[in-house]
N, C-alpha and C. Protein backbone atom coordinates (compact mmCIF):
# COMPACT_ATOMS: atom_id res chain seq x y z
N MET A 1 61.86 47.04 100.83
CA MET A 1 62.36 47.79 101.45
C MET A 1 62.66 49.00 101.06
N ALA A 2 62.67 50.05 101.41
CA ALA A 2 63.02 51.06 101.04
C ALA A 2 64.53 51.75 100.52
N PRO A 3 64.70 52.21 99.16
CA PRO A 3 65.86 52.69 99.04
C PRO A 3 66.54 53.11 99.60
N TYR A 4 66.55 54.07 100.71
CA TYR A 4 67.39 54.95 101.86
C TYR A 4 68.01 53.30 102.67
N GLU A 5 67.04 52.81 103.31
CA GLU A 5 67.20 51.41 104.34
C GLU A 5 68.40 50.56 103.89
N THR A 6 68.01 50.33 102.17
CA THR A 6 69.05 49.45 101.26
C THR A 6 70.37 49.80 101.44
N LEU A 7 70.58 51.18 101.32
CA LEU A 7 71.63 51.90 100.60
C LEU A 7 72.39 51.99 102.41
N TYR A 8 71.94 52.41 103.12
CA TYR A 8 72.32 52.84 104.57
C TYR A 8 72.10 51.84 105.74
N GLY A 9 71.31 50.74 105.77
CA GLY A 9 70.87 49.93 106.32
C GLY A 9 70.21 50.28 107.60
N CYS A 10 69.37 51.87 107.61
CA CYS A 10 68.92 51.65 108.66
C CYS A 10 67.45 52.83 108.47
N LYS A 11 66.45 53.10 108.73
CA LYS A 11 65.43 53.92 108.60
C LYS A 11 65.99 55.37 108.05
N CYS A 12 65.08 55.87 107.72
CA CYS A 12 65.52 57.65 107.20
C CYS A 12 64.83 58.45 108.92
N ARG A 13 65.78 58.94 108.70
CA ARG A 13 65.35 60.19 109.84
C ARG A 13 65.01 61.45 110.18
N ALA A 14 63.96 61.58 108.98
CA ALA A 14 63.81 63.05 108.37
C ALA A 14 62.62 63.19 109.20
N PRO A 15 62.40 64.70 109.58
CA PRO A 15 61.70 65.01 110.73
C PRO A 15 60.15 64.46 110.14
N LEU A 16 59.66 63.75 109.33
CA LEU A 16 58.37 63.25 109.11
C LEU A 16 58.19 62.56 109.75
N TYR A 17 59.32 61.50 110.14
CA TYR A 17 58.93 60.35 110.89
C TYR A 17 59.53 60.30 112.23
N TRP A 18 59.75 61.72 112.79
CA TRP A 18 60.06 61.53 114.21
C TRP A 18 58.34 61.56 114.70
N THR A 19 58.63 60.75 115.85
CA THR A 19 57.49 61.02 117.07
C THR A 19 57.30 62.16 117.49
N GLU A 20 56.00 62.41 118.16
CA GLU A 20 55.56 63.31 118.57
C GLU A 20 56.44 64.04 119.60
N LEU A 21 57.00 62.93 120.76
CA LEU A 21 57.72 63.16 121.99
C LEU A 21 59.34 63.99 121.70
N LYS A 22 59.96 63.09 120.43
CA LYS A 22 61.18 63.71 119.71
C LYS A 22 61.15 64.99 118.78
N THR A 23 59.88 65.16 118.95
CA THR A 23 59.71 66.81 117.90
C THR A 23 59.84 67.18 119.16
N LYS A 24 59.11 67.49 120.21
CA LYS A 24 58.96 68.68 121.52
C LYS A 24 60.40 68.79 122.48
N GLU A 25 61.06 67.29 122.13
CA GLU A 25 62.28 67.42 122.58
C GLU A 25 63.77 68.08 121.92
N LYS A 26 63.24 68.34 120.35
CA LYS A 26 64.26 69.11 119.53
C LYS A 26 63.93 70.42 119.21
N VAL A 27 62.65 71.02 119.42
CA VAL A 27 62.09 72.07 119.64
C VAL A 27 62.55 72.57 120.65
N LYS A 28 62.49 72.44 122.21
CA LYS A 28 63.00 72.73 123.19
C LYS A 28 64.67 72.80 123.53
N VAL A 29 65.20 72.14 122.76
CA VAL A 29 66.71 72.45 122.48
C VAL A 29 67.20 73.82 121.41
N ILE A 30 66.34 73.72 120.64
CA ILE A 30 66.19 74.98 119.63
C ILE A 30 66.03 76.02 120.27
N ARG A 31 64.65 76.11 121.11
CA ARG A 31 64.49 77.56 121.92
C ARG A 31 65.59 77.40 123.00
N ASP A 32 66.14 76.54 124.01
CA ASP A 32 67.06 76.87 124.84
C ASP A 32 68.46 77.80 124.04
N SER A 33 68.76 77.33 122.95
CA SER A 33 69.95 77.65 122.36
C SER A 33 69.91 78.96 122.03
N LEU A 34 68.31 79.57 121.35
CA LEU A 34 68.51 80.73 121.18
C LEU A 34 68.02 81.31 122.23
N LYS A 35 67.83 81.10 123.12
CA LYS A 35 67.73 82.30 124.30
C LYS A 35 68.91 82.17 125.27
N ALA A 36 69.79 81.27 124.93
CA ALA A 36 70.94 81.59 125.45
C ALA A 36 71.94 82.42 124.56
N THR A 37 71.61 82.42 123.35
CA THR A 37 71.97 83.50 122.41
C THR A 37 71.73 84.85 122.64
N SER A 38 70.59 84.51 122.54
CA SER A 38 70.10 86.42 123.30
C SER A 38 70.42 86.50 124.31
N ASP A 39 70.76 85.81 125.05
CA ASP A 39 71.09 86.22 126.62
C ASP A 39 72.40 86.98 126.87
N ARG A 40 73.07 86.17 126.16
CA ARG A 40 74.83 86.39 125.87
C ARG A 40 74.92 87.78 125.14
N GLN A 41 73.75 87.90 124.10
CA GLN A 41 73.86 89.40 123.04
C GLN A 41 73.50 90.65 123.99
N LYS A 42 72.76 90.36 124.80
CA LYS A 42 71.87 91.39 125.71
C LYS A 42 72.97 91.20 126.93
N SER A 43 73.66 90.87 127.24
CA SER A 43 74.67 90.70 128.39
C SER A 43 75.76 91.88 127.99
N TYR A 44 76.15 91.70 126.75
CA TYR A 44 77.35 92.38 125.71
C TYR A 44 76.67 93.96 125.81
N THR A 45 75.49 93.81 125.25
CA THR A 45 75.09 95.28 125.17
C THR A 45 74.71 96.09 126.45
N ASP A 46 74.41 95.53 126.86
CA ASP A 46 74.07 96.15 128.80
C ASP A 46 75.15 96.58 128.98
N LEU A 47 76.73 95.69 128.92
CA LEU A 47 77.69 96.85 129.50
C LEU A 47 77.68 98.01 129.22
N LYS A 48 77.42 98.37 127.62
CA LYS A 48 77.56 99.87 127.07
C LYS A 48 76.46 100.68 126.77
N ARG A 49 75.28 100.15 127.80
CA ARG A 49 74.08 101.07 127.89
C ARG A 49 73.79 101.61 129.17
N LYS A 50 73.48 102.88 128.61
CA LYS A 50 73.44 103.72 129.98
C LYS A 50 71.79 104.27 130.19
N GLU A 51 71.33 104.56 131.41
CA GLU A 51 69.86 105.08 131.62
C GLU A 51 69.90 106.44 131.61
N ILE A 52 69.14 106.56 130.48
CA ILE A 52 69.37 108.22 129.96
C ILE A 52 67.65 108.34 129.87
N GLU A 53 67.42 110.00 130.67
CA GLU A 53 66.37 110.09 130.80
C GLU A 53 66.13 111.70 130.14
N PHE A 54 65.42 112.11 129.71
CA PHE A 54 65.15 113.83 129.37
C PHE A 54 64.13 114.42 130.16
N GLN A 55 64.00 115.12 130.05
CA GLN A 55 62.55 116.20 130.22
C GLN A 55 61.69 117.19 129.54
N VAL A 56 60.69 117.41 129.75
CA VAL A 56 60.33 118.29 128.43
C VAL A 56 60.93 119.77 128.68
N GLY A 57 61.17 120.11 127.93
CA GLY A 57 62.26 121.59 127.73
C GLY A 57 63.68 121.49 127.64
N ASP A 58 64.44 120.12 127.90
CA ASP A 58 65.61 120.00 127.75
C ASP A 58 66.02 120.24 126.22
N LYS A 59 67.33 120.62 125.76
CA LYS A 59 67.47 120.61 124.74
C LYS A 59 68.36 119.52 123.79
N VAL A 60 68.16 118.60 123.17
CA VAL A 60 69.12 117.46 122.38
C VAL A 60 69.77 117.80 121.27
N PHE A 61 70.91 116.72 120.69
CA PHE A 61 70.82 116.77 119.45
C PHE A 61 70.35 115.47 119.05
N LEU A 62 70.13 115.56 117.59
CA LEU A 62 69.84 114.45 116.77
C LEU A 62 70.37 113.65 116.00
N LYS A 63 70.80 112.56 116.15
CA LYS A 63 71.71 111.43 115.25
C LYS A 63 71.25 111.07 114.09
N VAL A 64 71.81 110.91 113.31
CA VAL A 64 71.03 110.65 111.83
C VAL A 64 72.48 110.06 110.98
N SER A 65 72.07 108.97 110.10
CA SER A 65 73.06 108.12 109.51
C SER A 65 73.37 108.73 108.44
N PRO A 66 74.32 108.60 107.87
CA PRO A 66 74.47 108.99 106.68
C PRO A 66 73.53 109.25 105.70
N TRP A 67 73.02 107.74 105.11
CA TRP A 67 72.12 108.12 104.04
C TRP A 67 71.05 109.22 104.07
N LYS A 68 70.39 108.86 105.49
CA LYS A 68 69.72 109.94 106.13
C LYS A 68 70.07 111.46 105.82
N LYS A 69 70.93 111.45 106.27
CA LYS A 69 71.13 113.12 105.90
C LYS A 69 71.27 113.59 104.39
N ILE A 70 71.12 112.71 103.75
CA ILE A 70 71.52 113.55 102.31
C ILE A 70 69.95 113.39 102.14
N LEU A 71 69.12 112.17 102.03
CA LEU A 71 67.86 111.79 101.74
C LEU A 71 66.96 113.05 102.46
N ARG A 72 66.99 113.24 103.84
CA ARG A 72 65.96 113.93 104.75
C ARG A 72 66.51 115.33 105.03
N PHE A 73 67.63 115.32 105.32
CA PHE A 73 68.36 116.38 106.03
C PHE A 73 69.42 117.10 104.74
N GLY A 74 69.27 117.00 103.81
CA GLY A 74 70.19 117.81 103.04
C GLY A 74 71.94 117.85 103.12
N ARG A 75 72.06 117.06 103.98
CA ARG A 75 73.96 116.75 104.37
C ARG A 75 74.53 115.95 103.57
N LYS A 76 75.34 116.40 103.17
CA LYS A 76 76.48 115.39 102.59
C LYS A 76 78.05 115.66 102.74
N GLY A 77 78.62 114.65 102.31
CA GLY A 77 80.03 114.68 102.76
C GLY A 77 80.80 113.79 103.48
N LYS A 78 81.97 113.52 103.46
CA LYS A 78 82.63 112.80 104.69
C LYS A 78 82.53 113.32 105.96
N LEU A 79 82.69 114.70 105.70
CA LEU A 79 82.69 115.77 107.20
C LEU A 79 81.40 116.25 107.50
N SER A 80 80.63 115.84 107.04
CA SER A 80 79.09 116.21 107.44
C SER A 80 78.59 115.79 108.98
N PRO A 81 78.40 116.60 109.82
CA PRO A 81 78.00 116.35 111.11
C PRO A 81 77.63 115.10 111.21
N ARG A 82 77.55 114.25 112.50
CA ARG A 82 76.65 113.18 112.65
C ARG A 82 75.21 113.62 113.96
N PHE A 83 75.04 114.40 114.31
CA PHE A 83 74.51 114.94 115.03
C PHE A 83 74.07 116.39 114.17
N ILE A 84 72.47 116.54 114.38
CA ILE A 84 72.23 118.15 114.13
C ILE A 84 71.34 118.55 115.10
N GLY A 85 71.33 119.90 115.68
CA GLY A 85 70.31 120.33 116.28
C GLY A 85 71.09 121.47 117.10
N PRO A 86 70.72 122.00 118.36
CA PRO A 86 69.94 120.90 118.99
C PRO A 86 68.63 121.67 119.03
N TYR A 87 67.45 120.73 119.61
CA TYR A 87 66.02 120.92 119.02
C TYR A 87 65.82 120.73 120.61
N GLU A 88 64.61 121.30 121.14
CA GLU A 88 63.98 121.35 122.22
C GLU A 88 63.38 120.32 122.11
N ILE A 89 63.15 119.57 123.23
CA ILE A 89 61.89 117.99 123.52
C ILE A 89 60.99 118.75 124.18
N THR A 90 59.36 118.75 123.18
CA THR A 90 58.23 119.32 123.62
C THR A 90 57.43 118.42 124.29
N GLU A 91 57.57 117.29 124.17
CA GLU A 91 56.75 115.95 124.71
C GLU A 91 57.25 114.64 124.90
N ARG A 92 57.03 114.10 126.37
CA ARG A 92 57.41 112.38 126.30
C ARG A 92 56.59 112.04 125.59
N ILE A 93 56.79 110.71 124.57
CA ILE A 93 55.86 109.68 124.23
C ILE A 93 56.27 108.36 124.74
N GLY A 94 55.97 108.04 125.70
CA GLY A 94 56.26 106.74 126.36
C GLY A 94 57.46 106.44 127.00
N PRO A 95 57.89 105.39 127.63
CA PRO A 95 59.31 105.52 128.43
C PRO A 95 60.44 105.93 127.22
N VAL A 96 60.72 105.55 126.01
CA VAL A 96 61.68 105.69 125.29
C VAL A 96 61.56 106.59 124.24
N ALA A 97 60.79 107.39 123.86
CA ALA A 97 60.09 108.43 122.70
C ALA A 97 60.05 109.56 123.25
N TYR A 98 60.40 110.58 121.96
CA TYR A 98 60.15 112.13 122.53
C TYR A 98 59.73 112.50 121.47
N ARG A 99 58.85 113.74 121.68
CA ARG A 99 58.96 114.53 120.29
C ARG A 99 59.69 116.16 120.54
N LEU A 100 60.11 116.17 119.51
CA LEU A 100 61.24 117.17 119.24
C LEU A 100 60.24 118.75 118.48
N ALA A 101 60.82 120.05 118.79
CA ALA A 101 60.51 121.30 117.92
C ALA A 101 61.39 121.23 116.90
N LEU A 102 61.22 120.61 115.51
CA LEU A 102 61.84 120.55 114.56
C LEU A 102 61.76 122.00 113.83
N LEU A 103 62.77 122.39 113.06
CA LEU A 103 62.76 123.68 112.40
C LEU A 103 61.75 123.45 110.70
N VAL A 104 61.54 124.76 110.39
CA VAL A 104 60.35 124.82 109.84
C VAL A 104 60.93 123.92 108.36
N GLU A 105 62.13 123.99 108.29
CA GLU A 105 62.67 123.09 107.13
C GLU A 105 62.60 121.87 107.36
N LEU A 106 62.47 121.13 108.44
CA LEU A 106 62.13 119.65 108.53
C LEU A 106 60.97 119.52 108.87
N GLU A 107 59.77 120.05 108.36
CA GLU A 107 58.72 119.69 108.79
C GLU A 107 58.22 118.61 108.18
N LYS A 108 58.70 118.14 107.16
CA LYS A 108 57.98 116.87 106.77
C LYS A 108 58.54 115.54 107.30
N ILE A 109 59.48 115.65 108.18
CA ILE A 109 59.82 114.49 108.99
C ILE A 109 58.95 114.69 110.41
N HIS A 110 58.51 113.25 110.85
CA HIS A 110 57.88 112.72 111.56
C HIS A 110 58.92 113.38 113.04
N ASN A 111 58.14 113.91 113.79
CA ASN A 111 59.03 114.44 114.74
C ASN A 111 59.04 113.83 116.14
N VAL A 112 58.81 112.61 115.97
CA VAL A 112 59.00 111.71 117.24
C VAL A 112 60.06 110.49 117.23
N PHE A 113 60.92 110.81 117.97
CA PHE A 113 62.69 109.94 117.98
C PHE A 113 62.50 109.14 119.05
N HIS A 114 63.56 107.90 118.85
CA HIS A 114 63.89 106.92 119.90
C HIS A 114 64.66 107.46 120.38
N ILE A 115 65.08 107.32 121.93
CA ILE A 115 65.62 107.86 123.14
C ILE A 115 67.50 107.57 122.36
N SER A 116 67.35 106.01 121.21
CA SER A 116 68.96 106.09 121.08
C SER A 116 69.41 107.02 120.20
N MET A 117 68.31 107.65 119.47
CA MET A 117 68.65 108.33 118.36
C MET A 117 68.94 110.27 118.78
N LEU A 118 68.92 109.94 120.52
CA LEU A 118 69.30 111.58 120.95
C LEU A 118 70.45 111.82 122.06
N ARG A 119 71.45 112.87 121.79
CA ARG A 119 72.22 112.85 122.81
C ARG A 119 72.25 114.29 123.21
N ARG A 120 72.56 114.62 124.76
CA ARG A 120 71.91 115.73 125.46
C ARG A 120 72.75 116.62 125.07
N TYR A 121 72.36 118.28 125.13
CA TYR A 121 72.72 119.52 124.68
C TYR A 121 73.00 120.03 126.06
N ARG A 122 74.48 120.44 126.39
CA ARG A 122 74.45 121.31 127.48
C ARG A 122 75.26 122.28 127.37
N PHE A 123 74.53 123.30 127.67
CA PHE A 123 74.47 124.78 126.99
C PHE A 123 75.88 125.38 127.50
N ASP A 124 76.53 126.08 126.50
CA ASP A 124 77.82 126.70 126.06
C ASP A 124 77.66 127.73 125.86
N PRO A 125 78.07 128.88 126.41
CA PRO A 125 77.65 130.55 125.96
C PRO A 125 78.69 130.78 124.69
N SER A 126 80.04 129.63 124.43
CA SER A 126 80.32 129.92 123.42
C SER A 126 79.52 129.77 122.11
N HIS A 127 78.63 129.09 122.27
CA HIS A 127 77.63 128.51 121.35
C HIS A 127 76.88 129.93 120.80
N VAL A 128 76.99 130.62 121.69
CA VAL A 128 75.81 131.94 121.10
C VAL A 128 76.67 132.61 120.54
N ILE A 129 76.07 133.07 119.04
CA ILE A 129 76.91 133.54 118.03
C ILE A 129 76.09 135.11 118.05
N SER A 130 76.55 136.41 118.35
CA SER A 130 75.93 137.48 118.24
C SER A 130 75.89 138.10 116.86
N PRO A 131 74.93 138.36 116.73
CA PRO A 131 74.97 138.98 115.00
C PRO A 131 75.39 140.35 114.81
N THR A 132 76.15 140.23 113.78
CA THR A 132 77.09 141.03 113.66
C THR A 132 76.31 142.42 112.22
N GLU A 133 76.61 143.70 112.51
CA GLU A 133 75.82 144.25 111.32
C GLU A 133 76.78 144.45 110.54
N ILE A 134 76.48 144.01 108.95
CA ILE A 134 76.80 144.30 107.90
C ILE A 134 76.38 144.86 106.51
N GLU A 135 76.84 145.91 106.23
CA GLU A 135 76.01 147.00 105.07
C GLU A 135 75.90 145.61 103.92
N ILE A 136 74.89 146.27 103.22
CA ILE A 136 74.25 145.17 101.89
C ILE A 136 74.08 146.50 101.28
N ARG A 137 75.04 145.62 99.81
CA ARG A 137 74.70 146.56 98.67
C ARG A 137 73.26 146.24 98.09
N SER A 138 73.26 147.09 96.96
CA SER A 138 71.45 147.14 96.50
C SER A 138 71.71 145.83 95.49
N ASP A 139 72.58 145.06 95.24
CA ASP A 139 72.80 143.52 94.77
C ASP A 139 72.75 142.12 95.79
N LYS A 140 72.68 143.15 96.57
CA LYS A 140 72.78 141.73 98.24
C LYS A 140 74.18 141.34 98.49
N THR A 141 75.07 142.09 98.01
CA THR A 141 76.45 141.68 98.29
C THR A 141 77.09 142.53 99.11
N TYR A 142 78.28 142.56 99.78
CA TYR A 142 78.95 143.33 100.60
C TYR A 142 80.47 142.82 100.80
N GLU A 143 81.11 143.97 100.98
CA GLU A 143 82.89 143.72 100.69
C GLU A 143 83.73 143.19 101.60
N GLU A 144 83.99 142.34 101.79
CA GLU A 144 85.38 141.90 103.03
C GLU A 144 86.44 142.85 103.11
N GLU A 145 86.88 142.98 104.17
CA GLU A 145 87.98 144.02 104.55
C GLU A 145 88.70 142.91 105.35
N PRO A 146 89.87 142.99 104.54
CA PRO A 146 90.94 142.72 105.96
C PRO A 146 91.84 143.67 106.65
N ILE A 147 91.82 142.94 108.25
CA ILE A 147 92.22 143.78 108.92
C ILE A 147 93.56 144.18 109.82
N LYS A 148 93.74 142.93 109.64
CA LYS A 148 95.15 142.57 109.91
C LYS A 148 96.26 141.54 109.37
N ILE A 149 97.70 141.41 109.24
CA ILE A 149 98.03 140.05 108.64
C ILE A 149 98.68 139.63 109.73
N MET A 150 98.45 137.96 109.72
CA MET A 150 98.81 137.43 110.83
C MET A 150 100.52 136.66 110.62
N ALA A 151 100.60 136.13 109.31
CA ALA A 151 101.75 135.37 109.05
C ALA A 151 101.63 135.65 107.46
N GLN A 152 103.54 135.48 107.45
CA GLN A 152 103.80 135.23 105.59
C GLN A 152 104.78 134.07 105.35
N GLU A 153 104.87 133.60 104.30
CA GLU A 153 105.35 132.79 104.03
C GLU A 153 105.72 132.64 102.09
N VAL A 154 106.86 131.85 102.01
CA VAL A 154 107.15 132.32 100.80
C VAL A 154 106.51 130.49 100.26
N LYS A 155 106.12 130.36 99.17
CA LYS A 155 105.62 129.23 98.43
C LYS A 155 106.37 128.75 97.27
N GLN A 156 107.51 127.72 97.69
CA GLN A 156 108.02 127.22 96.41
C GLN A 156 107.57 126.51 95.03
N LEU A 157 107.33 126.90 93.95
CA LEU A 157 106.84 125.92 92.93
C LEU A 157 108.11 125.62 91.93
N ARG A 158 107.65 124.83 91.13
CA ARG A 158 109.06 124.18 90.24
C ARG A 158 109.71 125.47 89.71
N ASN A 159 109.21 126.86 89.02
CA ASN A 159 109.66 127.45 88.44
C ASN A 159 109.80 129.16 88.93
N LYS A 160 108.98 129.11 90.08
CA LYS A 160 109.16 130.58 90.50
C LYS A 160 108.73 130.29 92.08
N ASP A 161 108.95 131.09 92.96
CA ASP A 161 107.86 131.23 94.14
C ASP A 161 107.18 132.58 94.42
N ILE A 162 106.65 132.47 95.39
CA ILE A 162 105.02 133.18 95.59
C ILE A 162 105.32 133.48 96.99
N ALA A 163 105.05 134.82 97.00
CA ALA A 163 104.94 135.12 98.39
C ALA A 163 103.24 135.49 98.97
N LEU A 164 103.31 134.38 100.16
CA LEU A 164 101.84 134.63 100.72
C LEU A 164 101.71 135.79 101.74
N VAL A 165 100.58 135.92 102.08
CA VAL A 165 100.19 136.10 103.54
C VAL A 165 99.11 135.52 104.23
N LYS A 166 98.85 135.70 105.45
CA LYS A 166 97.61 135.04 105.95
C LYS A 166 96.65 136.36 106.91
N LEU A 167 95.54 136.62 105.90
CA LEU A 167 95.15 137.38 105.97
C LEU A 167 93.62 137.34 107.23
N LEU A 168 93.42 138.31 108.42
CA LEU A 168 92.31 138.22 109.36
C LEU A 168 91.49 139.19 108.43
N TRP A 169 90.14 138.73 108.34
CA TRP A 169 89.55 139.57 107.62
C TRP A 169 88.32 139.98 108.98
N GLN A 170 87.33 141.27 108.44
CA GLN A 170 86.59 141.93 109.20
C GLN A 170 85.41 141.02 109.27
N LYS A 171 84.77 140.73 110.57
CA LYS A 171 83.68 140.39 111.00
C LYS A 171 83.94 139.07 110.92
N HIS A 172 85.13 138.43 110.69
CA HIS A 172 85.45 136.87 111.01
C HIS A 172 86.11 136.60 111.70
N GLY A 173 86.57 135.13 112.67
CA GLY A 173 86.98 135.23 113.45
C GLY A 173 88.67 134.83 112.66
N VAL A 174 89.45 134.27 114.23
CA VAL A 174 91.00 133.72 113.88
C VAL A 174 90.97 132.50 112.48
N GLU A 175 89.90 131.55 112.90
CA GLU A 175 89.95 130.35 112.23
C GLU A 175 89.59 130.51 111.17
N GLU A 176 88.93 131.57 110.68
CA GLU A 176 88.32 131.81 109.20
C GLU A 176 89.45 132.45 108.26
N ALA A 177 90.81 132.92 108.84
CA ALA A 177 91.78 133.53 108.74
C ALA A 177 92.56 132.82 107.20
N THR A 178 92.99 133.22 106.35
CA THR A 178 93.20 133.19 104.77
C THR A 178 94.56 133.08 103.96
N TRP A 179 95.06 132.35 103.65
CA TRP A 179 96.22 132.59 102.73
C TRP A 179 95.89 133.43 101.28
N GLU A 180 96.44 134.32 101.09
CA GLU A 180 96.47 135.06 100.00
C GLU A 180 97.57 135.63 99.21
N SER A 181 97.79 136.00 98.03
CA SER A 181 98.95 136.18 97.73
C SER A 181 99.26 137.80 97.82
N GLU A 182 100.64 137.97 98.11
CA GLU A 182 100.93 139.06 98.62
C GLU A 182 101.16 140.28 97.68
N GLU A 183 101.45 139.52 96.61
CA GLU A 183 101.27 141.08 95.75
C GLU A 183 99.97 141.58 95.28
N ALA A 184 99.00 140.39 94.81
CA ALA A 184 97.67 141.11 95.05
C ALA A 184 97.13 142.03 95.70
N MET A 185 97.36 141.61 97.06
CA MET A 185 97.01 141.92 98.69
C MET A 185 97.68 143.29 98.54
N ARG A 186 98.89 143.55 97.90
CA ARG A 186 99.45 145.14 98.14
C ARG A 186 98.86 146.26 97.02
N GLU A 187 98.24 145.30 95.85
CA GLU A 187 97.72 146.31 95.13
C GLU A 187 96.24 147.00 95.12
N GLN A 188 95.70 145.57 96.01
CA GLN A 188 94.15 146.07 96.34
C GLN A 188 94.26 146.67 97.76
N TYR A 189 94.80 146.49 98.83
CA TYR A 189 94.92 147.02 100.17
C TYR A 189 96.08 147.73 100.46
N PRO A 190 96.62 148.52 99.69
CA PRO A 190 97.95 148.85 99.99
C PRO A 190 98.04 149.17 102.02
N ASP A 191 97.15 150.27 102.21
CA ASP A 191 97.38 150.67 103.45
C ASP A 191 97.44 149.28 104.38
N LEU A 192 97.30 148.13 104.09
CA LEU A 192 97.00 146.92 104.92
C LEU A 192 98.67 146.70 105.41
N PHE A 193 99.64 147.16 104.60
CA PHE A 193 100.87 146.90 104.94
C PHE A 193 102.08 147.95 105.61
N THR A 194 100.97 148.93 106.00
CA THR A 194 101.74 150.08 106.80
C THR A 194 102.40 149.73 108.27
N GLY A 195 102.94 150.12 108.68
CA GLY A 195 103.27 149.58 110.16
C GLY A 195 101.87 149.55 111.36
N LYS A 196 100.87 150.12 110.93
CA LYS A 196 100.07 150.47 111.81
C LYS A 196 98.99 149.11 111.97
N ILE A 197 98.67 148.33 110.75
CA ILE A 197 98.19 146.96 111.06
C ILE A 197 98.98 145.95 110.81
N PHE A 198 99.89 146.13 110.56
CA PHE A 198 101.10 144.91 110.30
C PHE A 198 101.24 143.89 111.59
N GLU A 199 101.38 143.07 111.52
CA GLU A 199 101.61 142.13 112.28
C GLU A 199 102.82 140.73 112.65
N GLY A 200 103.44 140.35 113.45
CA GLY A 200 104.53 139.27 113.00
C GLY A 200 105.96 140.36 113.17
N GLU A 201 106.97 139.23 113.81
CA GLU A 201 108.25 139.70 114.04
C GLU A 201 109.03 139.32 112.76
N ASN A 202 108.79 138.51 111.75
CA ASN A 202 109.57 137.84 110.81
C ASN A 202 108.75 138.64 109.41
N LEU A 203 108.26 139.67 109.59
CA LEU A 203 107.51 140.45 108.48
C LEU A 203 108.39 141.35 108.29
């Protein structure tokens, strides 16, 4: 008598001792279970899936993962964009892949992408930025000129107070205004504090 049968009172039921019929039954049960799991996961995915199709000439954003942004696209940091572009579609490769017209800086990257990595770009006139003329010095630098005081406040430190002014700079938008020391700005730009370009009721 085999040691297993002696200890447990029955023959070992290892797969080596299964009959061909029992093996087929077990395999069928395993396949059915895998198919049920796959169908259930597919049903969850289909709820969020949208049928998207692009045409040649459309512009799209390209989705990049965090590590690829650093290795391939030179983007890093927590606030770096998840999408780059827009890029124009030059060719459709099969039902779910498209070829993009990438920039010269990205020429080393394969330019065919799966549709899941693309997001449609809708043209917005505010995205078009007109270039402005800037006088460049011989050393390739240019001078920034403040044009308006937008706000004023006093920052209280432990031992002293510092007067600050919020300046709007030439060739820059309101969102790029910066806080500067009022004392330093009075010395460097005295005309800025005249009534002509001084803005704000509490100033």
